[in-house]
């Protein structure tokens, strides 16, 4: 099996892509690209069994309906819903609320935060992958699956905060140590130093691990009442397994 992890950013300069080859006894990181262009993402995806992308794959249904109604001067305000709750229902997808209730962390709002710019690039990649003949299902059943490194790290009891950017360099180094101790079967090889120096590259490796969990059906699918919405909004694949259950 080959899984690809993409720590997607609005521009290639901060986009990292990792490839893990899953052998009979070890898993090896065989590529770690930074910067990552759309062409590099597509090239690695062509050879992948599953691609985990750290970026929303869609927007909240309620938000899109709100925009259309506002655009056409037909917006009707709810009477019984407090304004704060109403705004939250527009800002967050069902999967975002699921992650919050399950793990106690809240993903960025694709409707109101800067991650929306990155999601526009994600939308373009989905079209390009579909043109190459890949089945795209934002609920995760096709080639790509939406992943969230912080959710995976927290579920696996690994450090999931304060390792970003230069200020988190010490924490990033410690996270690599914790990951190697928790998953001795994962061989970073000559990409280890890159993981210790770039949170983008390490996140892309985590994305590739989460893609493996999704490929093995070891993630929590959308509940029946959210499945239709998840196919449009996207669904973050939270692992329901230990790291060792991913081992070759």
C-alpha atoms as a PDB file:
ATOM      1  CA  UNK A   1       0.000   0.000   0.000  1.00  0.00           C
ATOM      2  CA  UNK A   2       1.070   3.572  -0.659  1.00  0.00           C
ATOM      3  CA  UNK A   3      -0.484   6.514   1.138  1.00  0.00           C
ATOM      4  CA  UNK A   4       0.063  10.212   0.509  1.00  0.00           C
ATOM      5  CA  UNK A   5      -0.346  13.022   2.992  1.00  0.00           C
ATOM      6  CA  UNK A   6      -0.828  16.634   1.933  1.00  0.00           C
ATOM      7  CA  UNK A   7      -0.458  19.523   4.362  1.00  0.00           C
ATOM      8  CA  UNK A   8      -2.200  21.912   2.024  1.00  0.00           C
ATOM      9  CA  UNK A   9      -1.655  25.663   2.054  1.00  0.00           C
ATOM     10  CA  UNK A  10      -2.948  28.399  -0.223  1.00  0.00           C
ATOM     11  CA  UNK A  11       0.413  28.550  -1.994  1.00  0.00           C
ATOM     12  CA  UNK A  12       2.940  25.815  -2.835  1.00  0.00           C
ATOM     13  CA  UNK A  13       5.690  27.378  -0.698  1.00  0.00           C
ATOM     14  CA  UNK A  14       3.979  26.192   2.512  1.00  0.00           C
ATOM     15  CA  UNK A  15       2.483  23.006   1.084  1.00  0.00           C
ATOM     16  CA  UNK A  16       4.175  19.740   2.068  1.00  0.00           C
ATOM     17  CA  UNK A  17       3.577  16.285   0.612  1.00  0.00           C
ATOM     18  CA  UNK A  18       4.714  12.999   2.177  1.00  0.00           C
ATOM     19  CA  UNK A  19       4.562   9.498   0.718  1.00  0.00           C
ATOM     20  CA  UNK A  20       4.621   6.351   2.860  1.00  0.00           C
ATOM     21  CA  UNK A  21       5.256   2.900   1.410  1.00  0.00           C
ATOM     22  CA  UNK A  22       3.751   0.175   3.582  1.00  0.00           C
ATOM     23  CA  UNK A  23       5.850  -2.980   3.342  1.00  0.00           C
ATOM     24  CA  UNK A  24       5.520  -6.353   5.027  1.00  0.00           C
ATOM     25  CA  UNK A  25       7.146  -5.279   8.291  1.00  0.00           C
ATOM     26  CA  UNK A  26       7.923  -1.560   8.128  1.00  0.00           C
ATOM     27  CA  UNK A  27       6.462   1.642   6.750  1.00  0.00           C
ATOM     28  CA  UNK A  28       8.929   3.946   5.030  1.00  0.00           C
ATOM     29  CA  UNK A  29       8.629   7.634   4.217  1.00  0.00           C
ATOM     30  CA  UNK A  30       9.910   7.562   0.640  1.00  0.00           C
ATOM     31  CA  UNK A  31       9.221  11.182  -0.315  1.00  0.00           C
ATOM     32  CA  UNK A  32       8.754  14.476   1.495  1.00  0.00           C
ATOM     33  CA  UNK A  33       8.297  17.457  -0.810  1.00  0.00           C
ATOM     34  CA  UNK A  34       8.279  21.118   0.205  1.00  0.00           C
ATOM     35  CA  UNK A  35       7.222  23.277  -1.557  1.00  0.00           C
ATOM     36  CA  UNK A  36       4.392  21.297  -3.088  1.00  0.00           C
ATOM     37  CA  UNK A  37       2.798  22.338  -6.356  1.00  0.00           C
ATOM     38  CA  UNK A  38      -0.487  21.024  -7.710  1.00  0.00           C
ATOM     39  CA  UNK A  39       1.510  19.043 -10.258  1.00  0.00           C
ATOM     40  CA  UNK A  40       3.476  17.282  -7.498  1.00  0.00           C
ATOM     41  CA  UNK A  41       0.269  16.491  -5.602  1.00  0.00           C
ATOM     42  CA  UNK A  42      -1.269  15.019  -8.759  1.00  0.00           C
ATOM     43  CA  UNK A  43       1.868  13.029  -9.568  1.00  0.00           C
ATOM     44  CA  UNK A  44       1.984  11.366  -6.149  1.00  0.00           C
ATOM     45  CA  UNK A  45      -1.775  10.839  -6.109  1.00  0.00           C
ATOM     46  CA  UNK A  46      -1.569   8.860  -9.346  1.00  0.00           C
ATOM     47  CA  UNK A  47       0.389   6.133  -7.532  1.00  0.00           C
ATOM     48  CA  UNK A  48      -1.511   6.277  -4.226  1.00  0.00           C
ATOM     49  CA  UNK A  49      -4.080   3.978  -2.668  1.00  0.00           C
ATOM     50  CA  UNK A  50      -5.310   6.810  -0.429  1.00  0.00           C
ATOM     51  CA  UNK A  51      -4.547  10.528  -0.135  1.00  0.00           C
ATOM     52  CA  UNK A  52      -5.126  12.407   3.108  1.00  0.00           C
ATOM     53  CA  UNK A  53      -5.550  16.162   2.690  1.00  0.00           C
ATOM     54  CA  UNK A  54      -5.356  18.555   5.623  1.00  0.00           C
ATOM     55  CA  UNK A  55      -7.879  21.093   4.377  1.00  0.00           C
ATOM     56  CA  UNK A  56     -11.665  21.376   4.274  1.00  0.00           C
ATOM     57  CA  UNK A  57     -13.034  19.720   1.163  1.00  0.00           C
ATOM     58  CA  UNK A  58     -16.264  21.731   1.172  1.00  0.00           C
ATOM     59  CA  UNK A  59     -18.266  24.519   2.813  1.00  0.00           C
ATOM     60  CA  UNK A  60     -21.202  24.312   5.253  1.00  0.00           C
ATOM     61  CA  UNK A  61     -24.506  23.764   3.480  1.00  0.00           C
ATOM     62  CA  UNK A  62     -26.180  26.343   5.729  1.00  0.00           C
ATOM     63  CA  UNK A  63     -23.507  28.906   4.875  1.00  0.00           C
ATOM     64  CA  UNK A  64     -24.023  28.459   1.133  1.00  0.00           C
ATOM     65  CA  UNK A  65     -27.789  28.782   1.535  1.00  0.00           C
ATOM     66  CA  UNK A  66     -27.254  31.914   3.636  1.00  0.00           C
ATOM     67  CA  UNK A  67     -25.003  33.477   0.974  1.00  0.00           C
ATOM     68  CA  UNK A  68     -27.477  32.749  -1.814  1.00  0.00           C
ATOM     69  CA  UNK A  69     -30.397  34.127   0.187  1.00  0.00           C
ATOM     70  CA  UNK A  70     -28.474  37.262   1.135  1.00  0.00           C
ATOM     71  CA  UNK A  71     -27.291  37.754  -2.444  1.00  0.00           C
ATOM     72  CA  UNK A  72     -30.865  37.602  -3.726  1.00  0.00           C
ATOM     73  CA  UNK A  73     -32.390  39.858  -0.998  1.00  0.00           C
ATOM     74  CA  UNK A  74     -34.511  37.029   0.380  1.00  0.00           C
ATOM     75  CA  UNK A  75     -32.771  36.329   3.677  1.00  0.00           C
ATOM     76  CA  UNK A  76     -35.209  35.445   6.450  1.00  0.00           C
ATOM     77  CA  UNK A  77     -33.864  35.741   9.981  1.00  0.00           C
ATOM     78  CA  UNK A  78     -34.738  32.976  12.447  1.00  0.00           C
ATOM     79  CA  UNK A  79     -36.880  34.148  15.344  1.00  0.00           C
ATOM     80  CA  UNK A  80     -36.244  31.497  17.968  1.00  0.00           C
ATOM     81  CA  UNK A  81     -32.495  30.949  17.533  1.00  0.00           C
ATOM     82  CA  UNK A  82     -30.043  33.193  19.440  1.00  0.00           C
ATOM     83  CA  UNK A  83     -27.859  35.154  17.039  1.00  0.00           C
ATOM     84  CA  UNK A  84     -24.644  33.579  18.321  1.00  0.00           C
ATOM     85  CA  UNK A  85     -25.912  30.042  17.758  1.00  0.00           C
ATOM     86  CA  UNK A  86     -27.220  31.029  14.348  1.00  0.00           C
ATOM     87  CA  UNK A  87     -23.863  32.413  13.286  1.00  0.00           C
ATOM     88  CA  UNK A  88     -22.118  29.297  14.555  1.00  0.00           C
ATOM     89  CA  UNK A  89     -24.443  27.101  12.483  1.00  0.00           C
ATOM     90  CA  UNK A  90     -23.323  29.030   9.397  1.00  0.00           C
ATOM     91  CA  UNK A  91     -19.612  28.997  10.243  1.00  0.00           C
ATOM     92  CA  UNK A  92     -19.055  25.327  11.062  1.00  0.00           C
ATOM     93  CA  UNK A  93     -19.770  22.120   9.213  1.00  0.00           C
ATOM     94  CA  UNK A  94     -21.246  19.015  10.773  1.00  0.00           C
ATOM     95  CA  UNK A  95     -17.813  17.397  10.797  1.00  0.00           C
ATOM     96  CA  UNK A  96     -16.273  20.372  12.614  1.00  0.00           C
ATOM     97  CA  UNK A  97     -18.852  20.065  15.382  1.00  0.00           C
ATOM     98  CA  UNK A  98     -18.262  16.300  15.499  1.00  0.00           C
ATOM     99  CA  UNK A  99     -14.533  16.820  16.035  1.00  0.00           C
ATOM    100  CA  UNK A 100     -15.243  19.405  18.742  1.00  0.00           C
ATOM    101  CA  UNK A 101     -17.674  17.161  20.619  1.00  0.00           C
ATOM    102  CA  UNK A 102     -15.466  14.075  20.231  1.00  0.00           C
ATOM    103  CA  UNK A 103     -12.001  15.473  20.933  1.00  0.00           C
ATOM    104  CA  UNK A 104     -12.572  18.906  22.423  1.00  0.00           C
ATOM    105  CA  UNK A 105     -10.738  20.758  19.655  1.00  0.00           C
ATOM    106  CA  UNK A 106     -12.374  22.945  17.019  1.00  0.00           C
ATOM    107  CA  UNK A 107     -11.130  23.029  13.402  1.00  0.00           C
ATOM    108  CA  UNK A 108     -10.842  26.375  11.659  1.00  0.00           C
ATOM    109  CA  UNK A 109     -14.050  27.597  10.058  1.00  0.00           C
ATOM    110  CA  UNK A 110     -13.820  27.299   6.274  1.00  0.00           C
ATOM    111  CA  UNK A 111     -16.590  29.912   6.063  1.00  0.00           C
ATOM    112  CA  UNK A 112     -15.042  32.606   8.265  1.00  0.00           C
ATOM    113  CA  UNK A 113     -11.302  31.887   8.723  1.00  0.00           C
ATOM    114  CA  UNK A 114      -8.376  32.237   6.324  1.00  0.00           C
ATOM    115  CA  UNK A 115      -8.445  28.470   5.718  1.00  0.00           C
ATOM    116  CA  UNK A 116     -11.168  29.320   3.164  1.00  0.00           C
ATOM    117  CA  UNK A 117      -8.472  30.553   0.775  1.00  0.00           C
ATOM    118  CA  UNK A 118      -6.740  27.173   1.022  1.00  0.00           C
ATOM    119  CA  UNK A 119     -10.072  25.406   0.499  1.00  0.00           C
ATOM    120  CA  UNK A 120     -10.340  27.142  -2.863  1.00  0.00           C
ATOM    121  CA  UNK A 121      -7.119  25.414  -3.872  1.00  0.00           C
ATOM    122  CA  UNK A 122      -8.506  22.165  -2.478  1.00  0.00           C
ATOM    123  CA  UNK A 123     -11.571  22.564  -4.694  1.00  0.00           C
ATOM    124  CA  UNK A 124      -9.309  23.008  -7.731  1.00  0.00           C
ATOM    125  CA  UNK A 125      -7.344  19.867  -6.840  1.00  0.00           C
ATOM    126  CA  UNK A 126     -10.572  17.881  -6.569  1.00  0.00           C
ATOM    127  CA  UNK A 127     -11.499  18.887 -10.112  1.00  0.00           C
ATOM    128  CA  UNK A 128      -8.022  18.039 -11.424  1.00  0.00           C
ATOM    129  CA  UNK A 129      -8.054  14.619  -9.723  1.00  0.00           C
ATOM    130  CA  UNK A 130     -11.504  13.903 -11.160  1.00  0.00           C
ATOM    131  CA  UNK A 131     -10.184  14.792 -14.630  1.00  0.00           C
ATOM    132  CA  UNK A 132      -7.507  12.146 -14.117  1.00  0.00           C
ATOM    133  CA  UNK A 133     -10.236   9.560 -13.574  1.00  0.00           C
ATOM    134  CA  UNK A 134     -10.260   9.400  -9.775  1.00  0.00           C
ATOM    135  CA  UNK A 135     -13.488   9.064  -7.827  1.00  0.00           C
ATOM    136  CA  UNK A 136     -13.928  12.065  -5.545  1.00  0.00           C
ATOM    137  CA  UNK A 137     -16.240  11.739  -2.573  1.00  0.00           C
ATOM    138  CA  UNK A 138     -15.839  14.374   0.121  1.00  0.00           C
ATOM    139  CA  UNK A 139     -17.154  11.949   2.739  1.00  0.00           C
ATOM    140  CA  UNK A 140     -13.932   9.986   2.213  1.00  0.00           C
ATOM    141  CA  UNK A 141     -14.873   6.888   0.231  1.00  0.00           C
ATOM    142  CA  UNK A 142     -12.900   7.834  -2.900  1.00  0.00           C
ATOM    143  CA  UNK A 143      -9.204   8.463  -3.432  1.00  0.00           C
ATOM    144  CA  UNK A 144      -8.998  11.455  -1.109  1.00  0.00           C
ATOM    145  CA  UNK A 145     -10.044  11.851   2.474  1.00  0.00           C
ATOM    146  CA  UNK A 146     -10.094  14.973   4.638  1.00  0.00           C
ATOM    147  CA  UNK A 147      -7.795  14.649   7.629  1.00  0.00           C
ATOM    148  CA  UNK A 148      -6.811  16.843  10.573  1.00  0.00           C
ATOM    149  CA  UNK A 149      -3.362  16.163  12.084  1.00  0.00           C
ATOM    150  CA  UNK A 150      -4.274  17.650  15.478  1.00  0.00           C
ATOM    151  CA  UNK A 151      -7.225  15.257  15.753  1.00  0.00           C
ATOM    152  CA  UNK A 152      -5.061  12.249  14.935  1.00  0.00           C
ATOM    153  CA  UNK A 153      -2.280  13.287  17.286  1.00  0.00           C
ATOM    154  CA  UNK A 154      -4.682  13.918  20.162  1.00  0.00           C
ATOM    155  CA  UNK A 155      -6.457  10.595  19.628  1.00  0.00           C
ATOM    156  CA  UNK A 156      -3.076   8.841  19.692  1.00  0.00           C
ATOM    157  CA  UNK A 157      -2.095  10.702  22.895  1.00  0.00           C
ATOM    158  CA  UNK A 158       0.738  12.545  21.171  1.00  0.00           C
ATOM    159  CA  UNK A 159       1.525  16.275  21.530  1.00  0.00           C
ATOM    160  CA  UNK A 160      -0.813  18.130  19.194  1.00  0.00           C
ATOM    161  CA  UNK A 161      -0.220  21.814  19.981  1.00  0.00           C
ATOM    162  CA  UNK A 162       2.581  24.383  20.129  1.00  0.00           C
ATOM    163  CA  UNK A 163       4.893  22.750  17.589  1.00  0.00           C
ATOM    164  CA  UNK A 164       4.167  25.180  14.760  1.00  0.00           C
ATOM    165  CA  UNK A 165       6.488  27.816  13.328  1.00  0.00           C
ATOM    166  CA  UNK A 166       9.890  28.858  14.680  1.00  0.00           C
ATOM    167  CA  UNK A 167       8.579  29.399  18.195  1.00  0.00           C
ATOM    168  CA  UNK A 168       7.616  25.729  18.391  1.00  0.00           C
ATOM    169  CA  UNK A 169      10.891  24.235  17.129  1.00  0.00           C
ATOM    170  CA  UNK A 170      11.659  22.550  20.464  1.00  0.00           C
ATOM    171  CA  UNK A 171       8.173  21.077  20.668  1.00  0.00           C
ATOM    172  CA  UNK A 172       8.442  19.911  17.045  1.00  0.00           C
ATOM    173  CA  UNK A 173      11.648  18.062  17.840  1.00  0.00           C
ATOM    174  CA  UNK A 174       9.994  16.445  20.851  1.00  0.00           C
ATOM    175  CA  UNK A 175       6.963  15.437  18.788  1.00  0.00           C
ATOM    176  CA  UNK A 176       9.184  13.583  16.312  1.00  0.00           C
ATOM    177  CA  UNK A 177      10.757  11.744  19.253  1.00  0.00           C
ATOM    178  CA  UNK A 178       7.339  10.818  20.652  1.00  0.00           C
ATOM    179  CA  UNK A 179       6.147   9.630  17.231  1.00  0.00           C
ATOM    180  CA  UNK A 180       9.190   7.409  16.722  1.00  0.00           C
ATOM    181  CA  UNK A 181       8.749   5.898  20.182  1.00  0.00           C
ATOM    182  CA  UNK A 182       5.038   5.267  19.604  1.00  0.00           C
ATOM    183  CA  UNK A 183       5.521   3.884  16.074  1.00  0.00           C
ATOM    184  CA  UNK A 184       8.940   2.196  15.870  1.00  0.00           C
ATOM    185  CA  UNK A 185       7.854   0.521  12.645  1.00  0.00           C
ATOM    186  CA  UNK A 186       7.678   3.937  10.910  1.00  0.00           C
ATOM    187  CA  UNK A 187      11.019   4.679   9.257  1.00  0.00           C
ATOM    188  CA  UNK A 188      11.535   8.357   8.477  1.00  0.00           C
ATOM    189  CA  UNK A 189      14.954   7.632   6.948  1.00  0.00           C
ATOM    190  CA  UNK A 190      16.781  10.635   5.563  1.00  0.00           C
ATOM    191  CA  UNK A 191      13.547  12.649   5.864  1.00  0.00           C
ATOM    192  CA  UNK A 192      13.816  12.694   9.663  1.00  0.00           C
ATOM    193  CA  UNK A 193      15.734  15.965   9.778  1.00  0.00           C
ATOM    194  CA  UNK A 194      13.201  17.573   7.456  1.00  0.00           C
ATOM    195  CA  UNK A 195      10.439  16.533   9.896  1.00  0.00           C
ATOM    196  CA  UNK A 196      12.417  18.064  12.757  1.00  0.00           C
ATOM    197  CA  UNK A 197      12.833  21.360  10.910  1.00  0.00           C
ATOM    198  CA  UNK A 198       9.444  21.775   9.213  1.00  0.00           C
ATOM    199  CA  UNK A 199       6.061  21.376  10.898  1.00  0.00           C
ATOM    200  CA  UNK A 200       4.565  21.292   7.381  1.00  0.00           C
ATOM    201  CA  UNK A 201       6.540  18.168   6.483  1.00  0.00           C
ATOM    202  CA  UNK A 202       5.768  16.462   9.784  1.00  0.00           C
ATOM    203  CA  UNK A 203       2.065  17.280   9.358  1.00  0.00           C
ATOM    204  CA  UNK A 204       2.145  15.747   5.879  1.00  0.00           C
ATOM    205  CA  UNK A 205       3.566  12.532   7.391  1.00  0.00           C
ATOM    206  CA  UNK A 206       0.732  12.525   9.957  1.00  0.00           C
ATOM    207  CA  UNK A 207      -1.715  13.041   7.074  1.00  0.00           C
ATOM    208  CA  UNK A 208      -0.274   9.975   5.328  1.00  0.00           C
ATOM    209  CA  UNK A 209      -0.718   7.944   8.538  1.00  0.00           C
ATOM    210  CA  UNK A 210      -4.331   9.094   8.755  1.00  0.00           C
ATOM    211  CA  UNK A 211      -4.825   8.157   5.099  1.00  0.00           C
ATOM    212  CA  UNK A 212      -3.696   4.643   6.038  1.00  0.00           C
ATOM    213  CA  UNK A 213      -6.289   4.566   8.842  1.00  0.00           C
ATOM    214  CA  UNK A 214      -8.988   5.621   6.375  1.00  0.00           C
ATOM    215  CA  UNK A 215      -7.876   3.036   3.812  1.00  0.00           C
ATOM    216  CA  UNK A 216      -8.155   0.294   6.469  1.00  0.00           C
ATOM    217  CA  UNK A 217     -11.602   1.535   7.570  1.00  0.00           C
ATOM    218  CA  UNK A 218     -10.174   2.474  10.953  1.00  0.00           C
ATOM    219  CA  UNK A 219     -11.746   5.932  11.048  1.00  0.00           C
ATOM    220  CA  UNK A 220     -15.167   7.085  12.219  1.00  0.00           C
ATOM    221  CA  UNK A 221     -17.543   7.528   9.254  1.00  0.00           C
ATOM    222  CA  UNK A 222     -20.279  10.154   9.205  1.00  0.00           C
ATOM    223  CA  UNK A 223     -23.418   9.008  11.024  1.00  0.00           C
ATOM    224  CA  UNK A 224     -26.395   8.130   8.863  1.00  0.00           C
ATOM    225  CA  UNK A 225     -28.132  11.442   9.477  1.00  0.00           C
ATOM    226  CA  UNK A 226     -25.053  13.384   8.313  1.00  0.00           C
ATOM    227  CA  UNK A 227     -23.898  11.241   5.417  1.00  0.00           C
ATOM    228  CA  UNK A 228     -25.624  13.242   2.688  1.00  0.00           C
ATOM    229  CA  UNK A 229     -24.328  16.539   4.069  1.00  0.00           C
ATOM    230  CA  UNK A 230     -20.815  15.083   4.440  1.00  0.00           C
ATOM    231  CA  UNK A 231     -20.705  14.254   0.729  1.00  0.00           C
ATOM    232  CA  UNK A 232     -20.999  17.984   0.022  1.00  0.00           C
ATOM    233  CA  UNK A 233     -19.358  19.587   3.049  1.00  0.00           C
ATOM    234  CA  UNK A 234     -16.558  17.068   3.622  1.00  0.00           C
ATOM    235  CA  UNK A 235     -15.912  14.775   6.583  1.00  0.00           C
ATOM    236  CA  UNK A 236     -12.794  14.723   8.764  1.00  0.00           C
ATOM    237  CA  UNK A 237     -11.582  11.148   9.236  1.00  0.00           C
ATOM    238  CA  UNK A 238     -10.902  10.705  12.960  1.00  0.00           C
ATOM    239  CA  UNK A 239      -9.012   7.474  13.685  1.00  0.00           C
ATOM    240  CA  UNK A 240     -10.721   4.958  15.962  1.00  0.00           C
ATOM    241  CA  UNK A 241      -7.599   2.816  16.239  1.00  0.00           C
ATOM    242  CA  UNK A 242      -4.238   2.779  17.950  1.00  0.00           C
ATOM    243  CA  UNK A 243      -1.096   3.640  16.039  1.00  0.00           C
ATOM    244  CA  UNK A 244      -0.020   0.003  16.255  1.00  0.00           C
ATOM    245  CA  UNK A 245      -3.143  -1.033  14.372  1.00  0.00           C
ATOM    246  CA  UNK A 246      -1.718   0.820  11.374  1.00  0.00           C
ATOM    247  CA  UNK A 247       1.531  -1.133  11.490  1.00  0.00           C
ATOM    248  CA  UNK A 248       2.392  -3.375   8.539  1.00  0.00           C
END
